[in-house]
Amino acid sequence: MLEVTLKDGESVESLVRRFNKKVIQSGVLATARKKKYFEKPMSKRDARTAAIRKKNRKEIKTRELMGIR
C-alpha cells in the first residue's frame, strides 16, 4: 500500500502530486488497467512472446550503438 505523509509547510497540491508520482512509478495503475478486462490465455502468451522479442531487439540495438558484439 502506498503512503504519503504531509511535510511541514507543504501544500495539498504538492502532496497529491507526490502521491500520483508514486502510483505511476509503482505500476499499480498499469496492472489495474490490464486486469480491467479478461484476457484469454492464448493472447497472454502472444503478448509475452512479443514483449520478449521487443526486449531482444532493443538489446541488440543498444549493443550495436555501443559497438559491443
PDB file of N, CA and C in Angstrom:
ATOM      1  N   MET A   1       0.836  -1.171   0.000  1.00  0.00           N
ATOM      2  CA  MET A   1       0.000   0.000   0.000  1.00  0.00           C
ATOM      3  C   MET A   1       0.886   1.241   0.000  1.00  0.00           C
ATOM      4  N   LEU A   2       0.533   2.199  -0.830  1.00  0.00           N
ATOM      5  CA  LEU A   2       1.317   3.422  -0.931  1.00  0.00           C
ATOM      6  C   LEU A   2       0.897   4.403   0.161  1.00  0.00           C
ATOM      7  N   GLU A   3       1.888   5.071   0.690  1.00  0.00           N
ATOM      8  CA  GLU A   3       1.628   6.013   1.763  1.00  0.00           C
ATOM      9  C   GLU A   3       2.451   7.264   1.533  1.00  0.00           C
ATOM     10  N   VAL A   4       1.807   8.416   1.660  1.00  0.00           N
ATOM     11  CA  VAL A   4       2.497   9.695   1.534  1.00  0.00           C
ATOM     12  C   VAL A   4       2.085  10.547   2.721  1.00  0.00           C
ATOM     13  N   THR A   5       3.079  11.086   3.432  1.00  0.00           N
ATOM     14  CA  THR A   5       2.767  11.922   4.598  1.00  0.00           C
ATOM     15  C   THR A   5       3.018  13.383   4.252  1.00  0.00           C
ATOM     16  N   LEU A   6       2.238  14.235   4.846  1.00  0.00           N
ATOM     17  CA  LEU A   6       2.326  15.664   4.622  1.00  0.00           C
ATOM     18  C   LEU A   6       3.549  16.233   5.348  1.00  0.00           C
ATOM     19  N   LYS A   7       4.412  16.904   4.594  1.00  0.00           N
ATOM     20  CA  LYS A   7       5.598  17.513   5.192  1.00  0.00           C
ATOM     21  C   LYS A   7       5.235  18.887   5.758  1.00  0.00           C
ATOM     22  N   ASP A   8       6.095  19.417   6.606  1.00  0.00           N
ATOM     23  CA  ASP A   8       5.846  20.737   7.197  1.00  0.00           C
ATOM     24  C   ASP A   8       5.815  21.801   6.110  1.00  0.00           C
ATOM     25  N   GLY A   9       4.762  22.597   6.096  1.00  0.00           N
ATOM     26  CA  GLY A   9       4.644  23.701   5.160  1.00  0.00           C
ATOM     27  C   GLY A   9       4.358  23.258   3.728  1.00  0.00           C
ATOM     28  N   GLU A  10       3.958  22.007   3.516  1.00  0.00           N
ATOM     29  CA  GLU A  10       3.697  21.504   2.168  1.00  0.00           C
ATOM     30  C   GLU A  10       2.222  21.702   1.822  1.00  0.00           C
ATOM     31  N   SER A  11       1.968  22.106   0.592  1.00  0.00           N
ATOM     32  CA  SER A  11       0.581  22.293   0.169  1.00  0.00           C
ATOM     33  C   SER A  11      -0.047  20.956  -0.206  1.00  0.00           C
ATOM     34  N   VAL A  12      -1.359  20.942  -0.224  1.00  0.00           N
ATOM     35  CA  VAL A  12      -2.081  19.720  -0.562  1.00  0.00           C
ATOM     36  C   VAL A  12      -1.827  19.343  -2.020  1.00  0.00           C
ATOM     37  N   GLU A  13      -1.683  20.333  -2.889  1.00  0.00           N
ATOM     38  CA  GLU A  13      -1.437  20.072  -4.303  1.00  0.00           C
ATOM     39  C   GLU A  13      -0.127  19.316  -4.511  1.00  0.00           C
ATOM     40  N   SER A  14       0.907  19.721  -3.804  1.00  0.00           N
ATOM     41  CA  SER A  14       2.193  19.035  -3.951  1.00  0.00           C
ATOM     42  C   SER A  14       2.134  17.634  -3.338  1.00  0.00           C
ATOM     43  N   LEU A  15       1.342  17.477  -2.282  1.00  0.00           N
ATOM     44  CA  LEU A  15       1.159  16.156  -1.691  1.00  0.00           C
ATOM     45  C   LEU A  15       0.477  15.216  -2.689  1.00  0.00           C
ATOM     46  N   VAL A  16      -0.565  15.709  -3.340  1.00  0.00           N
ATOM     47  CA  VAL A  16      -1.269  14.910  -4.349  1.00  0.00           C
ATOM     48  C   VAL A  16      -0.347  14.596  -5.513  1.00  0.00           C
ATOM     49  N   ARG A  17       0.477  15.571  -5.898  1.00  0.00           N
ATOM     50  CA  ARG A  17       1.430  15.366  -6.992  1.00  0.00           C
ATOM     51  C   ARG A  17       2.431  14.257  -6.647  1.00  0.00           C
ATOM     52  N   ARG A  18       2.943  14.263  -5.415  1.00  0.00           N
ATOM     53  CA  ARG A  18       3.876  13.217  -4.983  1.00  0.00           C
ATOM     54  C   ARG A  18       3.199  11.852  -4.950  1.00  0.00           C
ATOM     55  N   PHE A  19       1.943  11.832  -4.495  1.00  0.00           N
ATOM     56  CA  PHE A  19       1.201  10.575  -4.452  1.00  0.00           C
ATOM     57  C   PHE A  19       0.995  10.014  -5.858  1.00  0.00           C
ATOM     58  N   ASN A  20       0.577  10.861  -6.775  1.00  0.00           N
ATOM     59  CA  ASN A  20       0.377  10.417  -8.159  1.00  0.00           C
ATOM     60  C   ASN A  20       1.666   9.882  -8.759  1.00  0.00           C
ATOM     61  N   LYS A  21       2.771  10.536  -8.464  1.00  0.00           N
ATOM     62  CA  LYS A  21       4.069  10.092  -8.976  1.00  0.00           C
ATOM     63  C   LYS A  21       4.416   8.710  -8.430  1.00  0.00           C
ATOM     64  N   LYS A  22       4.150   8.485  -7.148  1.00  0.00           N
ATOM     65  CA  LYS A  22       4.426   7.176  -6.539  1.00  0.00           C
ATOM     66  C   LYS A  22       3.552   6.091  -7.153  1.00  0.00           C
ATOM     67  N   VAL A  23       2.291   6.423  -7.421  1.00  0.00           N
ATOM     68  CA  VAL A  23       1.361   5.453  -8.014  1.00  0.00           C
ATOM     69  C   VAL A  23       1.849   5.049  -9.396  1.00  0.00           C
ATOM     70  N   ILE A  24       2.272   6.003 -10.187  1.00  0.00           N
ATOM     71  CA  ILE A  24       2.756   5.719 -11.539  1.00  0.00           C
ATOM     72  C   ILE A  24       4.038   4.901 -11.488  1.00  0.00           C
ATOM     73  N   GLN A  25       4.958   5.259 -10.604  1.00  0.00           N
ATOM     74  CA  GLN A  25       6.235   4.554 -10.510  1.00  0.00           C
ATOM     75  C   GLN A  25       6.066   3.122 -10.019  1.00  0.00           C
ATOM     76  N   SER A  26       5.095   2.878  -9.159  1.00  0.00           N
ATOM     77  CA  SER A  26       4.911   1.536  -8.618  1.00  0.00           C
ATOM     78  C   SER A  26       4.259   0.589  -9.617  1.00  0.00           C
ATOM     79  N   GLY A  27       3.561   1.128 -10.609  1.00  0.00           N
ATOM     80  CA  GLY A  27       2.927   0.299 -11.624  1.00  0.00           C
ATOM     81  C   GLY A  27       1.563  -0.218 -11.218  1.00  0.00           C
ATOM     82  N   VAL A  28       1.009   0.276 -10.145  1.00  0.00           N
ATOM     83  CA  VAL A  28      -0.295  -0.164  -9.672  1.00  0.00           C
ATOM     84  C   VAL A  28      -1.375   0.157 -10.699  1.00  0.00           C
ATOM     85  N   LEU A  29      -1.319   1.344 -11.254  1.00  0.00           N
ATOM     86  CA  LEU A  29      -2.328   1.784 -12.208  1.00  0.00           C
ATOM     87  C   LEU A  29      -2.267   0.964 -13.493  1.00  0.00           C
ATOM     88  N   ALA A  30      -1.062   0.656 -13.948  1.00  0.00           N
ATOM     89  CA  ALA A  30      -0.907  -0.127 -15.174  1.00  0.00           C
ATOM     90  C   ALA A  30      -1.472  -1.533 -15.010  1.00  0.00           C
ATOM     91  N   THR A  31      -1.201  -2.165 -13.871  1.00  0.00           N
ATOM     92  CA  THR A  31      -1.729  -3.513 -13.654  1.00  0.00           C
ATOM     93  C   THR A  31      -3.243  -3.483 -13.494  1.00  0.00           C
ATOM     94  N   ALA A  32      -3.779  -2.452 -12.891  1.00  0.00           N
ATOM     95  CA  ALA A  32      -5.230  -2.341 -12.745  1.00  0.00           C
ATOM     96  C   ALA A  32      -5.891  -2.199 -14.110  1.00  0.00           C
ATOM     97  N   ARG A  33      -5.280  -1.429 -14.995  1.00  0.00           N
ATOM     98  CA  ARG A  33      -5.832  -1.273 -16.343  1.00  0.00           C
ATOM     99  C   ARG A  33      -5.743  -2.574 -17.129  1.00  0.00           C
ATOM    100  N   LYS A  34      -4.666  -3.334 -16.930  1.00  0.00           N
ATOM    101  CA  LYS A  34      -4.525  -4.611 -17.615  1.00  0.00           C
ATOM    102  C   LYS A  34      -5.572  -5.606 -17.154  1.00  0.00           C
ATOM    103  N   LYS A  35      -5.862  -5.616 -15.861  1.00  0.00           N
ATOM    104  CA  LYS A  35      -6.796  -6.585 -15.300  1.00  0.00           C
ATOM    105  C   LYS A  35      -8.250  -6.141 -15.402  1.00  0.00           C
ATOM    106  N   LYS A  36      -8.484  -4.997 -16.013  1.00  0.00           N
ATOM    107  CA  LYS A  36      -9.837  -4.483 -16.131  1.00  0.00           C
ATOM    108  C   LYS A  36     -10.712  -5.413 -16.976  1.00  0.00           C
ATOM    109  N   TYR A  37     -10.138  -5.977 -18.015  1.00  0.00           N
ATOM    110  CA  TYR A  37     -10.866  -6.871 -18.909  1.00  0.00           C
ATOM    111  C   TYR A  37     -10.208  -8.244 -18.916  1.00  0.00           C
ATOM    112  N   PHE A  38     -10.990  -9.270 -19.165  1.00  0.00           N
ATOM    113  CA  PHE A  38     -10.465 -10.623 -19.225  1.00  0.00           C
ATOM    114  C   PHE A  38      -9.620 -10.789 -20.474  1.00  0.00           C
ATOM    115  N   GLU A  39      -8.509 -11.479 -20.314  1.00  0.00           N
ATOM    116  CA  GLU A  39      -7.630 -11.746 -21.448  1.00  0.00           C
ATOM    117  C   GLU A  39      -7.460 -13.257 -21.567  1.00  0.00           C
ATOM    118  N   LYS A  40      -7.662 -13.767 -22.772  1.00  0.00           N
ATOM    119  CA  LYS A  40      -7.543 -15.204 -22.991  1.00  0.00           C
ATOM    120  C   LYS A  40      -6.105 -15.642 -22.756  1.00  0.00           C
ATOM    121  N   PRO A  41      -5.916 -16.879 -22.290  1.00  0.00           N
ATOM    122  CA  PRO A  41      -4.559 -17.376 -22.054  1.00  0.00           C
ATOM    123  C   PRO A  41      -3.699 -17.353 -23.309  1.00  0.00           C
ATOM    124  N   MET A  42      -4.294 -17.627 -24.471  1.00  0.00           N
ATOM    125  CA  MET A  42      -3.535 -17.627 -25.718  1.00  0.00           C
ATOM    126  C   MET A  42      -3.017 -16.218 -26.031  1.00  0.00           C
ATOM    127  N   SER A  43      -3.850 -15.207 -25.838  1.00  0.00           N
ATOM    128  CA  SER A  43      -3.410 -13.845 -26.127  1.00  0.00           C
ATOM    129  C   SER A  43      -2.381 -13.379 -25.091  1.00  0.00           C
ATOM    130  N   LYS A  44      -2.475 -13.898 -23.857  1.00  0.00           N
ATOM    131  CA  LYS A  44      -1.453 -13.586 -22.856  1.00  0.00           C
ATOM    132  C   LYS A  44      -0.100 -14.123 -23.311  1.00  0.00           C
ATOM    133  N   ARG A  45      -0.116 -15.354 -23.824  1.00  0.00           N
ATOM    134  CA  ARG A  45       1.113 -15.974 -24.294  1.00  0.00           C
ATOM    135  C   ARG A  45       1.685 -15.188 -25.483  1.00  0.00           C
ATOM    136  N   ASP A  46       0.809 -14.773 -26.396  1.00  0.00           N
ATOM    137  CA  ASP A  46       1.257 -13.987 -27.546  1.00  0.00           C
ATOM    138  C   ASP A  46       1.876 -12.667 -27.099  1.00  0.00           C
ATOM    139  N   ALA A  47       1.248 -12.012 -26.125  1.00  0.00           N
ATOM    140  CA  ALA A  47       1.766 -10.737 -25.619  1.00  0.00           C
ATOM    141  C   ALA A  47       3.118 -10.942 -24.950  1.00  0.00           C
ATOM    142  N   ARG A  48       3.256 -12.039 -24.225  1.00  0.00           N
ATOM    143  CA  ARG A  48       4.518 -12.337 -23.540  1.00  0.00           C
ATOM    144  C   ARG A  48       5.641 -12.560 -24.551  1.00  0.00           C
ATOM    145  N   THR A  49       5.360 -13.333 -25.600  1.00  0.00           N
ATOM    146  CA  THR A  49       6.396 -13.586 -26.610  1.00  0.00           C
ATOM    147  C   THR A  49       6.735 -12.312 -27.369  1.00  0.00           C
ATOM    148  N   ALA A  50       5.741 -11.470 -27.619  1.00  0.00           N
ATOM    149  CA  ALA A  50       6.003 -10.197 -28.295  1.00  0.00           C
ATOM    150  C   ALA A  50       6.887  -9.304 -27.433  1.00  0.00           C
ATOM    151  N   ALA A  51       6.643  -9.299 -26.127  1.00  0.00           N
ATOM    152  CA  ALA A  51       7.462  -8.494 -25.214  1.00  0.00           C
ATOM    153  C   ALA A  51       8.896  -9.010 -25.184  1.00  0.00           C
ATOM    154  N   ILE A  52       9.068 -10.328 -25.223  1.00  0.00           N
ATOM    155  CA  ILE A  52      10.415 -10.906 -25.226  1.00  0.00           C
ATOM    156  C   ILE A  52      11.144 -10.527 -26.510  1.00  0.00           C
ATOM    157  N   ARG A  53      10.428 -10.628 -27.656  1.00  0.00           N
ATOM    158  CA  ARG A  53      11.043 -10.240 -28.928  1.00  0.00           C
ATOM    159  C   ARG A  53      11.444  -8.765 -28.928  1.00  0.00           C
ATOM    160  N   LYS A  54      10.568  -7.913 -28.401  1.00  0.00           N
ATOM    161  CA  LYS A  54      10.852  -6.474 -28.340  1.00  0.00           C
ATOM    162  C   LYS A  54      12.071  -6.198 -27.467  1.00  0.00           C
ATOM    163  N   LYS A  55      12.160  -6.886 -26.337  1.00  0.00           N
ATOM    164  CA  LYS A  55      13.295  -6.708 -25.433  1.00  0.00           C
ATOM    165  C   LYS A  55      14.595  -7.131 -26.107  1.00  0.00           C
ATOM    166  N   ASN A  56      14.554  -8.262 -26.825  1.00  0.00           N
ATOM    167  CA  ASN A  56      15.751  -8.740 -27.523  1.00  0.00           C
ATOM    168  C   ASN A  56      16.191  -7.769 -28.606  1.00  0.00           C
ATOM    169  N   ARG A  57      15.224  -7.253 -29.379  1.00  0.00           N
ATOM    170  CA  ARG A  57      15.557  -6.273 -30.424  1.00  0.00           C
ATOM    171  C   ARG A  57      16.185  -5.019 -29.822  1.00  0.00           C
ATOM    172  N   LYS A  58      15.629  -4.556 -28.721  1.00  0.00           N
ATOM    173  CA  LYS A  58      16.160  -3.358 -28.061  1.00  0.00           C
ATOM    174  C   LYS A  58      17.583  -3.607 -27.569  1.00  0.00           C
ATOM    175  N   GLU A  59      17.819  -4.786 -26.998  1.00  0.00           N
ATOM    176  CA  GLU A  59      19.147  -5.130 -26.502  1.00  0.00           C
ATOM    177  C   GLU A  59      20.165  -5.197 -27.639  1.00  0.00           C
ATOM    178  N   ILE A  60      19.772  -5.785 -28.761  1.00  0.00           N
ATOM    179  CA  ILE A  60      20.667  -5.867 -29.923  1.00  0.00           C
ATOM    180  C   ILE A  60      20.984  -4.476 -30.439  1.00  0.00           C
ATOM    181  N   LYS A  61      19.965  -3.619 -30.490  1.00  0.00           N
ATOM    182  CA  LYS A  61      20.160  -2.254 -30.982  1.00  0.00           C
ATOM    183  C   LYS A  61      21.123  -1.468 -30.089  1.00  0.00           C
ATOM    184  N   THR A  62      20.984  -1.606 -28.770  1.00  0.00           N
ATOM    185  CA  THR A  62      21.876  -0.881 -27.868  1.00  0.00           C
ATOM    186  C   THR A  62      23.303  -1.411 -27.966  1.00  0.00           C
ATOM    187  N   ARG A  63      23.434  -2.728 -28.157  1.00  0.00           N
ATOM    188  CA  ARG A  63      24.775  -3.285 -28.337  1.00  0.00           C
ATOM    189  C   ARG A  63      25.432  -2.761 -29.593  1.00  0.00           C
ATOM    190  N   GLU A  64      24.648  -2.639 -30.689  1.00  0.00           N
ATOM    191  CA  GLU A  64      25.194  -2.121 -31.939  1.00  0.00           C
ATOM    192  C   GLU A  64      25.632  -0.673 -31.778  1.00  0.00           C
ATOM    193  N   LEU A  65      24.847   0.114 -31.055  1.00  0.00           N
ATOM    194  CA  LEU A  65      25.202   1.512 -30.868  1.00  0.00           C
ATOM    195  C   LEU A  65      26.456   1.668 -30.034  1.00  0.00           C
ATOM    196  N   MET A  66      26.647   0.756 -29.077  1.00  0.00           N
ATOM    197  CA  MET A  66      27.829   0.818 -28.220  1.00  0.00           C
ATOM    198  C   MET A  66      29.037   0.163 -28.869  1.00  0.00           C
ATOM    199  N   GLY A  67      28.815  -0.590 -29.911  1.00  0.00           N
ATOM    200  CA  GLY A  67      29.911  -1.275 -30.575  1.00  0.00           C
ATOM    201  C   GLY A  67      30.302  -2.574 -29.919  1.00  0.00           C
ATOM    202  N   ILE A  68      29.421  -3.129 -29.075  1.00  0.00           N
ATOM    203  CA  ILE A  68      29.682  -4.403 -28.399  1.00  0.00           C
ATOM    204  C   ILE A  68      29.031  -5.521 -29.191  1.00  0.00           C
ATOM    205  N   ARG A  69      29.748  -6.597 -29.366  1.00  0.00           N
ATOM    206  CA  ARG A  69      29.189  -7.724 -30.120  1.00  0.00           C
ATOM    207  C   ARG A  69      28.907  -8.880 -29.223  1.00  0.00           C
TER     208      ARG A  69
END
